[in-house]
Amino acid sequence: MTIAEASARIHTRELTCAALVDGCLEKIEELNPKLNAFITVTASSARERARELDRELSSGRDRGPLHGIPIAHKDLVHTRGVRTTSGSLLFRNFVPEKNAPVVDRLEEAGAVLVGKTGLHELAYGITSENPHFGIIRNPHDPERVPGGSSGGSGVAIAAGMALLATGTDTGGSIRIPASFCGIAGIKATYGLVDTAGIQPLGLSLDHCGPMASTVPDNAIALEVMAGRSYTLPPGADLSGLRVGLPANFFFEEVAPEVVEAVRAAAKRAEALGASIHSVETPDIEALNAAARIILLAEASALHRSHLTRRELFGSDVFALLNQGLMVAGADYVDAQRVRRCITAEFRKLFRAVDCIFAPSTATVAPRIGEREILMNGRMADVRLATTRVARGINALGLPALAMPCGKNAAGLPIGLQIIADAYREDVLFRTGAALESR
């Protein structure tokens, strides 16, 4: 059930908030032992809150389309009185005294917290194989990863354990699990969603956004999270939309079935009235290198004081944090310079097109424990291959929507990434919703 469908049924009294929340909690009880999407489940308070929202609606108070909608927060988003671990032993007993502002916004809009979702340790990874809180498993194939770092949020939506979830994205952490789990998620423009009260990783790269089963559901959620209005036009007409299809980088070192699915999505957009333009994107290899240096330095700066306590870290995260300590100041400054130059080049590109179609990930979900995957006849590092088409967009601060665009022969989801100019989330929602409706 989508947010839009559930909201309509709640507002016509065909469905109560309590029944909707109970349904999600039952799914959590049934599936979480196998999939491990949640670190903490807030069943008692969720049921109490749902009953209160039913009483409000009966008395005439309507909080809007999220009234009574079950939500899961990634477990680095501060929630008052509810443990917030960040998937780390450093914070395993941390209970915030107040909500993150984005949580307050969503609660005021009527969302009901059903629990806190698991993640890659400290949000610093793309598999969600967490050594402290357990491996999170993909509902399409439990022997495969769900992506990360917002893996638990992706699984919660894909498995019907919540209708809405929050995610964070520093180098692809919303778009990767959306792609691997077959759902929709948006990394909004940098700064559009307040990240106060959310455990940081890379302060100049961190984004927060919603994850849900459809593009319109993401629009409903982002309206609340960002305090902006996104009105989706009726129907599936994309007349006048200029879609850029990269001639370089984004379709290189990408699995053939992913290339085929993304190009097929472009053909669908063209059938709906969009014009397709071959474009040369700026130097993404250089941008990725800069983004990686920036993240290594910023993450290590945040956690430097903890690195004497080796026993509190998983091996992969500990290695990355130590690697960041070796980034020279001059290299960090140069990376920021590259970032500014390429950002300016992208601004020019978006004068010629309204959005860019690219893969969300270069491949479908890898198997749990895989560190290398076969990519076009040669072995590739899972982390680098998975973040390759996502990482640079964080350095640009541009909005990017991930949504399903097909499946491979084994039935695993393939993700389309649609990128737009800053603060043009409306373009992403219009385009994605039209593709979904076809």
Protein backbone atom coordinates (compact mmCIF):
# COMPACT_ATOMS: atom_id res chain seq x y z
CA MET A 1 0.00 0.00 0.00
CA THR A 2 1.32 3.45 -0.86
CA ILE A 3 1.16 6.52 1.36
CA ALA A 4 -1.32 8.12 -1.03
CA GLU A 5 -3.59 5.05 -0.97
CA ALA A 6 -3.41 4.65 2.82
CA SER A 7 -4.04 8.36 3.38
CA ALA A 8 -7.11 8.31 1.14
CA ARG A 9 -8.54 5.32 3.02
CA ILE A 10 -7.81 6.89 6.42
CA HIS A 11 -9.53 10.12 5.42
CA THR A 12 -12.64 8.30 4.14
CA ARG A 13 -12.61 6.22 7.35
CA GLU A 14 -12.21 2.94 5.44
CA LEU A 15 -9.05 2.38 7.44
CA THR A 16 -8.03 3.49 10.91
CA CYS A 17 -4.58 4.72 11.84
CA ALA A 18 -4.49 2.00 14.47
CA ALA A 19 -5.17 -0.76 11.94
CA LEU A 20 -2.55 0.57 9.54
CA VAL A 21 0.10 0.76 12.26
CA ASP A 22 -0.86 -2.70 13.56
CA GLY A 23 -0.40 -4.09 10.06
CA CYS A 24 3.13 -2.72 9.82
CA LEU A 25 4.05 -3.90 13.31
CA GLU A 26 2.80 -7.39 12.41
CA LYS A 27 5.03 -7.34 9.33
CA ILE A 28 7.98 -6.29 11.48
CA GLU A 29 7.32 -9.10 13.93
CA GLU A 30 7.06 -11.60 11.08
CA LEU A 31 9.97 -10.48 8.88
CA ASN A 32 12.51 -8.67 11.04
CA PRO A 33 14.00 -11.85 12.54
CA LYS A 34 15.00 -12.83 9.00
CA LEU A 35 15.76 -9.46 7.36
CA ASN A 36 17.07 -7.51 10.39
CA ALA A 37 15.82 -4.15 9.10
CA PHE A 38 15.14 -2.69 12.57
CA ILE A 39 17.46 -2.17 15.52
CA THR A 40 14.66 -0.84 17.75
CA VAL A 41 10.88 -1.34 17.40
CA THR A 42 8.59 1.14 19.16
CA ALA A 43 5.41 -0.96 19.11
CA SER A 44 3.77 0.28 22.31
CA SER A 45 4.21 4.01 21.66
CA ALA A 46 3.26 3.56 17.99
CA ARG A 47 -0.04 1.93 18.88
CA GLU A 48 -0.79 4.61 21.46
CA ARG A 49 0.03 7.40 18.99
CA ALA A 50 -2.12 5.79 16.27
CA ARG A 51 -5.14 5.65 18.58
CA GLU A 52 -4.60 9.30 19.50
CA LEU A 53 -4.50 10.26 15.80
CA ASP A 54 -7.74 8.36 15.18
CA ARG A 55 -9.36 10.38 17.95
CA GLU A 56 -8.01 13.60 16.44
CA LEU A 57 -9.48 12.79 13.04
CA SER A 58 -12.83 11.97 14.61
CA SER A 59 -12.83 15.33 16.38
CA GLY A 60 -12.02 17.22 13.17
CA ARG A 61 -8.27 17.67 13.40
CA ASP A 62 -6.63 16.58 10.15
CA ARG A 63 -2.84 16.79 9.99
CA GLY A 64 -2.68 16.12 6.25
CA PRO A 65 -1.58 13.24 4.01
CA LEU A 66 0.84 11.80 6.58
CA HIS A 67 -1.85 11.59 9.28
CA GLY A 68 -1.41 8.10 10.75
CA ILE A 69 1.27 6.96 8.30
CA PRO A 70 3.82 4.53 9.82
CA ILE A 71 7.40 5.81 9.52
CA ALA A 72 10.78 4.30 10.29
CA HIS A 73 13.73 6.56 11.04
CA LYS A 74 17.27 5.58 10.15
CA ASP A 75 19.01 4.95 13.45
CA LEU A 76 21.25 8.00 13.27
CA VAL A 77 18.30 10.42 13.28
CA HIS A 78 17.75 11.66 16.83
CA THR A 79 14.43 10.61 18.33
CA ARG A 80 13.50 11.86 21.79
CA GLY A 81 13.53 9.04 24.36
CA VAL A 82 14.36 6.36 21.77
CA ARG A 83 17.85 4.87 21.53
CA THR A 84 19.80 6.13 18.51
CA THR A 85 22.87 3.97 17.88
CA SER A 86 24.16 5.15 14.47
CA GLY A 87 24.90 1.45 13.99
CA SER A 88 27.96 1.89 16.21
CA LEU A 89 29.18 0.73 19.60
CA LEU A 90 30.19 4.35 20.23
CA PHE A 91 26.50 5.28 20.54
CA ARG A 92 24.92 1.97 21.54
CA ASN A 93 23.40 3.47 24.70
CA PHE A 94 22.71 7.00 23.40
CA VAL A 95 19.14 8.19 24.04
CA PRO A 96 18.53 11.71 22.68
CA GLU A 97 16.74 14.25 24.82
CA LYS A 98 15.11 15.89 21.82
CA ASN A 99 14.11 15.11 18.26
CA ALA A 100 15.98 16.14 15.17
CA PRO A 101 14.02 19.01 13.55
CA VAL A 102 13.03 16.76 10.64
CA VAL A 103 11.48 14.29 13.12
CA ASP A 104 9.47 17.11 14.71
CA ARG A 105 8.20 18.13 11.26
CA LEU A 106 7.12 14.60 10.41
CA GLU A 107 5.50 14.00 13.80
CA GLU A 108 3.58 17.27 13.55
CA ALA A 109 2.34 16.09 10.15
CA GLY A 110 0.98 12.92 11.75
CA ALA A 111 3.63 10.29 10.97
CA VAL A 112 3.81 7.46 13.50
CA LEU A 113 7.22 6.10 14.49
CA VAL A 114 7.27 2.28 14.38
CA GLY A 115 11.01 1.92 14.91
CA LYS A 116 14.62 2.75 14.10
CA THR A 117 16.23 1.06 11.12
CA GLY A 118 19.66 -0.48 10.90
CA LEU A 119 22.51 0.85 8.82
CA HIS A 120 26.11 0.36 7.88
CA GLU A 121 28.23 1.31 10.88
CA LEU A 122 28.33 5.12 11.28
CA ALA A 123 26.69 5.32 7.81
CA TYR A 124 30.16 4.70 6.36
CA GLY A 125 29.56 1.88 3.88
CA ILE A 126 27.30 0.52 1.17
CA THR A 127 26.49 -3.07 2.19
CA SER A 128 24.78 -2.72 5.62
CA GLU A 129 26.78 -5.71 6.87
CA ASN A 130 26.99 -4.37 10.40
CA PRO A 131 29.39 -6.21 12.74
CA HIS A 132 27.65 -4.93 15.88
CA PHE A 133 23.93 -5.15 15.08
CA GLY A 134 23.95 -7.86 12.44
CA ILE A 135 23.70 -8.16 8.67
CA ILE A 136 20.68 -6.55 7.03
CA ARG A 137 19.26 -8.70 4.22
CA ASN A 138 17.62 -7.83 0.92
CA PRO A 139 13.96 -8.93 0.80
CA HIS A 140 14.29 -9.85 -2.90
CA ASP A 141 17.04 -12.34 -2.01
CA PRO A 142 18.10 -12.63 1.64
CA GLU A 143 21.55 -13.81 0.55
CA ARG A 144 22.20 -10.39 -0.99
CA VAL A 145 22.88 -7.00 0.56
CA PRO A 146 20.18 -4.31 0.59
CA GLY A 147 22.69 -1.54 -0.08
CA GLY A 148 23.79 1.07 2.36
CA SER A 149 24.17 2.89 4.36
CA SER A 150 20.37 3.29 4.67
CA GLY A 151 19.89 -0.44 4.21
CA GLY A 152 17.35 -0.95 6.97
CA SER A 153 15.17 1.87 5.66
CA GLY A 154 15.22 0.39 2.16
CA VAL A 155 14.28 -3.06 3.45
CA ALA A 156 11.53 -1.68 5.71
CA ILE A 157 9.81 -0.07 2.72
CA ALA A 158 10.35 -2.94 0.28
CA ALA A 159 9.03 -5.50 2.78
CA GLY A 160 5.99 -3.44 3.85
CA MET A 161 7.20 -2.89 7.42
CA ALA A 162 6.66 0.88 7.07
CA LEU A 163 5.19 3.14 4.41
CA LEU A 164 7.80 5.86 4.83
CA ALA A 165 11.40 5.93 6.04
CA THR A 166 14.12 8.50 6.41
CA GLY A 167 17.55 7.99 4.91
CA THR A 168 20.79 9.90 4.71
CA ASP A 169 23.06 10.13 1.70
CA THR A 170 26.74 11.12 1.79
CA GLY A 171 27.95 9.13 -1.21
CA GLY A 172 24.84 7.29 -2.40
CA SER A 173 23.33 6.01 0.85
CA ILE A 174 19.69 6.67 -0.12
CA ARG A 175 20.00 5.88 -3.82
CA ILE A 176 21.98 2.64 -3.46
CA PRO A 177 19.49 0.86 -1.15
CA ALA A 178 16.58 2.28 -3.17
CA SER A 179 18.13 0.72 -6.26
CA PHE A 180 18.95 -2.64 -4.67
CA CYS A 181 15.59 -2.93 -2.87
CA GLY A 182 13.39 -1.74 -5.76
CA ILE A 183 11.89 1.35 -4.13
CA ALA A 184 12.08 5.13 -4.63
CA GLY A 185 14.23 7.55 -2.66
CA ILE A 186 15.42 11.09 -3.13
CA LYS A 187 18.57 12.88 -2.09
CA ALA A 188 17.28 16.43 -2.02
CA THR A 189 19.42 19.49 -2.77
CA TYR A 190 22.15 19.99 -0.16
CA GLY A 191 20.72 21.93 2.78
CA LEU A 192 17.09 21.67 1.69
CA VAL A 193 16.31 19.20 4.48
CA ASP A 194 17.68 20.22 7.88
CA THR A 195 20.35 17.75 9.02
CA ALA A 196 20.61 19.11 12.57
CA GLY A 197 20.15 16.32 15.08
CA ILE A 198 21.40 13.70 12.60
CA GLN A 199 24.75 12.02 13.29
CA PRO A 200 27.08 13.49 10.65
CA LEU A 201 29.61 11.67 8.50
CA GLY A 202 30.86 14.23 5.98
CA LEU A 203 29.51 17.63 6.94
CA SER A 204 29.79 19.17 3.47
CA LEU A 205 28.39 16.06 1.77
CA ASP A 206 25.57 14.85 4.05
CA HIS A 207 22.01 14.94 2.77
CA CYS A 208 18.73 13.70 4.28
CA GLY A 209 15.69 12.54 2.35
CA PRO A 210 12.68 10.23 2.26
CA MET A 211 12.37 6.66 1.01
CA ALA A 212 9.03 5.17 0.00
CA SER A 213 7.49 2.78 -2.49
CA THR A 214 6.57 5.39 -5.13
CA VAL A 215 7.75 8.73 -6.45
CA PRO A 216 4.54 10.60 -5.43
CA ASP A 217 4.97 9.23 -1.90
CA ASN A 218 8.44 10.77 -1.82
CA ALA A 219 6.96 14.09 -2.93
CA ILE A 220 4.39 13.96 -0.12
CA ALA A 221 7.13 13.30 2.43
CA LEU A 222 9.60 15.86 1.12
CA GLU A 223 6.93 18.57 1.26
CA VAL A 224 6.85 18.06 5.02
CA MET A 225 10.57 17.50 5.52
CA ALA A 226 11.61 20.56 3.49
CA GLY A 227 8.59 22.81 3.99
CA ARG A 228 8.02 23.16 0.24
CA SER A 229 5.09 22.35 -2.03
CA TYR A 230 5.44 19.86 -4.87
CA THR A 231 2.36 19.64 -7.06
CA LEU A 232 2.47 16.74 -9.50
CA PRO A 233 0.69 17.42 -12.80
CA PRO A 234 -2.11 15.00 -13.68
CA GLY A 235 -1.40 12.27 -16.22
CA ALA A 236 1.90 11.21 -17.68
CA ASP A 237 2.75 13.98 -20.12
CA LEU A 238 6.43 14.91 -20.32
CA SER A 239 6.07 17.32 -23.22
CA GLY A 240 8.77 19.96 -23.20
CA LEU A 241 11.06 18.04 -20.84
CA ARG A 242 14.67 17.88 -22.02
CA VAL A 243 16.36 14.70 -20.83
CA GLY A 244 20.14 14.42 -21.00
CA LEU A 245 21.52 10.95 -21.69
CA PRO A 246 25.27 10.92 -20.93
CA ALA A 247 27.57 9.85 -23.75
CA ASN A 248 30.45 9.46 -21.29
CA PHE A 249 31.18 7.90 -17.90
CA PHE A 250 27.70 6.94 -16.59
CA PHE A 251 27.29 3.95 -18.91
CA GLU A 252 30.91 2.84 -18.72
CA GLU A 253 31.86 0.01 -16.33
CA VAL A 254 28.16 -0.70 -15.84
CA ALA A 255 26.46 -4.09 -16.11
CA PRO A 256 24.80 -4.57 -19.55
CA GLU A 257 21.35 -5.25 -18.06
CA VAL A 258 21.56 -1.96 -16.14
CA VAL A 259 22.52 -0.04 -19.27
CA GLU A 260 19.63 -1.61 -21.15
CA ALA A 261 17.08 -0.82 -18.43
CA VAL A 262 18.13 2.83 -18.06
CA ARG A 263 18.13 3.39 -21.82
CA ALA A 264 14.67 1.80 -21.96
CA ALA A 265 13.50 4.31 -19.33
CA ALA A 266 14.75 7.12 -21.58
CA LYS A 267 12.73 5.66 -24.46
CA ARG A 268 9.63 5.61 -22.23
CA ALA A 269 10.21 9.25 -21.35
CA GLU A 270 10.51 10.05 -25.05
CA ALA A 271 7.22 8.24 -25.74
CA LEU A 272 5.63 10.50 -23.11
CA GLY A 273 6.78 13.64 -24.92
CA ALA A 274 10.27 14.28 -23.59
CA SER A 275 13.14 15.06 -25.93
CA ILE A 276 16.33 13.03 -25.45
CA HIS A 277 19.70 14.78 -25.83
CA SER A 278 23.11 13.13 -25.84
CA VAL A 279 25.29 15.11 -23.42
CA GLU A 280 28.91 15.13 -22.35
CA THR A 281 29.04 15.41 -18.59
CA PRO A 282 31.96 17.12 -16.83
CA ASP A 283 34.83 15.01 -15.52
CA ILE A 284 33.09 12.67 -13.06
CA GLU A 285 36.24 10.63 -12.45
CA ALA A 286 37.91 13.77 -11.10
CA LEU A 287 34.78 14.68 -9.15
CA ASN A 288 34.62 11.21 -7.57
CA ALA A 289 38.27 11.43 -6.57
CA ALA A 290 37.65 14.82 -4.98
CA ALA A 291 34.53 13.61 -3.19
CA ARG A 292 36.38 10.61 -1.81
CA ILE A 293 39.21 12.78 -0.42
CA ILE A 294 36.69 15.19 1.11
CA LEU A 295 34.77 12.40 2.80
CA LEU A 296 37.89 10.64 4.08
CA ALA A 297 39.09 13.86 5.71
CA GLU A 298 35.73 15.02 7.08
CA ALA A 299 34.75 11.62 8.53
CA SER A 300 38.12 11.21 10.22
CA ALA A 301 37.94 14.73 11.66
CA LEU A 302 34.59 13.86 13.25
CA HIS A 303 35.75 10.59 14.80
CA ARG A 304 39.46 11.25 15.41
CA SER A 305 39.07 11.27 19.20
CA HIS A 306 37.56 7.76 19.19
CA LEU A 307 40.19 6.03 17.09
CA THR A 308 42.28 4.94 20.08
CA ARG A 309 39.43 2.57 20.94
CA ARG A 310 39.95 0.03 18.16
CA GLU A 311 37.59 -2.52 19.73
CA LEU A 312 34.58 -0.25 19.12
CA PHE A 313 34.88 -0.31 15.33
CA GLY A 314 34.32 -2.78 12.54
CA SER A 315 37.40 -3.42 10.42
CA ASP A 316 36.20 -1.68 7.25
CA VAL A 317 35.10 1.52 8.98
CA PHE A 318 38.21 1.63 11.17
CA ALA A 319 40.40 1.33 8.07
CA LEU A 320 38.59 4.17 6.31
CA LEU A 321 38.79 6.45 9.32
CA ASN A 322 42.51 5.82 9.69
CA GLN A 323 43.03 6.36 5.99
CA GLY A 324 41.37 9.76 6.34
CA LEU A 325 43.94 10.82 8.92
CA MET A 326 46.56 10.62 6.17
CA VAL A 327 44.80 13.10 3.84
CA ALA A 328 47.02 16.20 3.57
CA GLY A 329 45.51 19.63 4.02
CA ALA A 330 46.65 20.62 0.54
CA ASP A 331 44.86 17.60 -0.95
CA TYR A 332 41.63 18.55 0.83
CA VAL A 333 41.88 22.13 -0.45
CA ASP A 334 42.57 20.91 -4.00
CA ALA A 335 39.58 18.56 -3.80
CA GLN A 336 37.33 21.45 -2.81
CA ARG A 337 38.69 23.47 -5.75
CA VAL A 338 37.90 20.63 -8.18
CA ARG A 339 34.45 20.42 -6.64
CA ARG A 340 33.75 24.12 -7.24
CA CYS A 341 34.98 23.99 -10.84
CA ILE A 342 32.90 20.96 -11.79
CA THR A 343 29.84 22.35 -10.02
CA ALA A 344 30.08 25.43 -12.25
CA GLU A 345 30.31 23.18 -15.32
CA PHE A 346 27.17 21.32 -14.29
CA ARG A 347 25.32 24.62 -13.93
CA LYS A 348 26.09 25.27 -17.60
CA LEU A 349 24.95 21.76 -18.55
CA PHE A 350 21.57 22.31 -16.92
CA ARG A 351 20.93 25.26 -19.23
CA ALA A 352 20.72 22.73 -22.06
CA VAL A 353 18.72 19.96 -20.32
CA ASP A 354 16.24 19.75 -17.47
CA CYS A 355 17.47 16.45 -16.03
CA ILE A 356 19.93 13.64 -16.63
CA PHE A 357 19.14 9.92 -16.75
CA ALA A 358 21.80 7.58 -15.35
CA PRO A 359 21.99 4.31 -13.43
CA SER A 360 21.48 4.50 -9.66
CA THR A 361 24.05 1.74 -9.28
CA ALA A 362 26.31 0.04 -11.79
CA THR A 363 24.99 -3.41 -10.92
CA VAL A 364 22.23 -5.22 -9.04
CA ALA A 365 22.67 -6.14 -5.37
CA PRO A 366 25.83 -8.17 -4.68
CA ARG A 367 25.83 -11.23 -2.47
CA ILE A 368 26.52 -10.82 1.24
CA GLY A 369 30.23 -11.08 1.85
CA GLU A 370 31.26 -10.35 -1.73
CA ARG A 371 34.11 -7.87 -1.89
CA GLU A 372 34.60 -8.10 -5.64
CA ILE A 373 32.10 -8.59 -8.45
CA LEU A 374 32.54 -9.55 -12.08
CA MET A 375 31.86 -6.45 -14.18
CA ASN A 376 32.08 -6.68 -17.97
CA GLY A 377 34.68 -9.43 -17.89
CA ARG A 378 36.86 -8.16 -15.05
CA MET A 379 36.71 -8.05 -11.28
CA ALA A 380 35.74 -4.79 -9.59
CA ASP A 381 35.74 -3.69 -5.94
CA VAL A 382 32.14 -3.77 -4.67
CA ARG A 383 32.36 -0.48 -2.77
CA LEU A 384 33.95 1.48 -5.61
CA ALA A 385 31.72 -0.05 -8.29
CA THR A 386 28.56 0.61 -6.28
CA THR A 387 29.32 4.23 -5.45
CA ARG A 388 30.84 5.08 -8.84
CA VAL A 389 27.72 6.63 -10.38
CA ALA A 390 26.38 8.10 -7.12
CA ARG A 391 29.26 9.58 -5.12
CA GLY A 392 29.98 12.68 -7.22
CA ILE A 393 26.42 13.96 -7.06
CA ASN A 394 26.87 14.53 -3.32
CA ALA A 395 29.87 16.76 -3.98
CA LEU A 396 27.71 18.77 -6.39
CA GLY A 397 24.88 19.04 -3.85
CA LEU A 398 22.36 18.40 -6.62
CA PRO A 399 19.05 16.59 -6.10
CA ALA A 400 18.87 13.02 -7.38
CA LEU A 401 15.96 10.59 -7.42
CA ALA A 402 16.41 6.82 -7.48
CA MET A 403 13.53 4.67 -8.69
CA PRO A 404 13.02 1.18 -10.14
CA CYS A 405 13.33 0.82 -13.91
CA GLY A 406 13.30 -2.93 -14.37
CA LYS A 407 14.72 -6.23 -13.17
CA ASN A 408 17.49 -8.52 -14.31
CA ALA A 409 17.00 -12.14 -15.38
CA ALA A 410 17.10 -13.26 -11.74
CA GLY A 411 14.35 -10.82 -10.76
CA LEU A 412 16.62 -8.39 -8.91
CA PRO A 413 15.71 -4.68 -9.13
CA ILE A 414 17.57 -2.22 -11.34
CA GLY A 415 17.57 1.47 -10.42
CA LEU A 416 17.27 4.60 -12.53
CA GLN A 417 18.88 7.78 -11.19
CA ILE A 418 17.42 11.09 -12.34
CA ILE A 419 19.55 14.15 -11.58
CA ALA A 420 18.37 17.77 -11.81
CA ASP A 421 19.68 21.25 -11.10
CA ALA A 422 19.69 22.59 -7.55
CA TYR A 423 16.22 23.02 -6.01
CA ARG A 424 14.52 21.40 -9.03
CA GLU A 425 13.06 18.49 -7.11
CA ASP A 426 9.82 19.33 -8.92
CA VAL A 427 11.42 18.18 -12.19
CA LEU A 428 12.47 14.90 -10.59
CA PHE A 429 9.01 14.23 -9.18
CA ARG A 430 7.24 15.11 -12.43
CA THR A 431 9.54 12.87 -14.45
CA GLY A 432 9.58 9.94 -12.04
CA ALA A 433 5.82 9.96 -11.47
CA ALA A 434 5.18 9.99 -15.23
CA LEU A 435 7.48 7.00 -15.74
CA GLU A 436 5.77 5.11 -12.91
CA SER A 437 2.31 5.75 -14.31
CA ARG A 438 3.10 4.32 -17.73
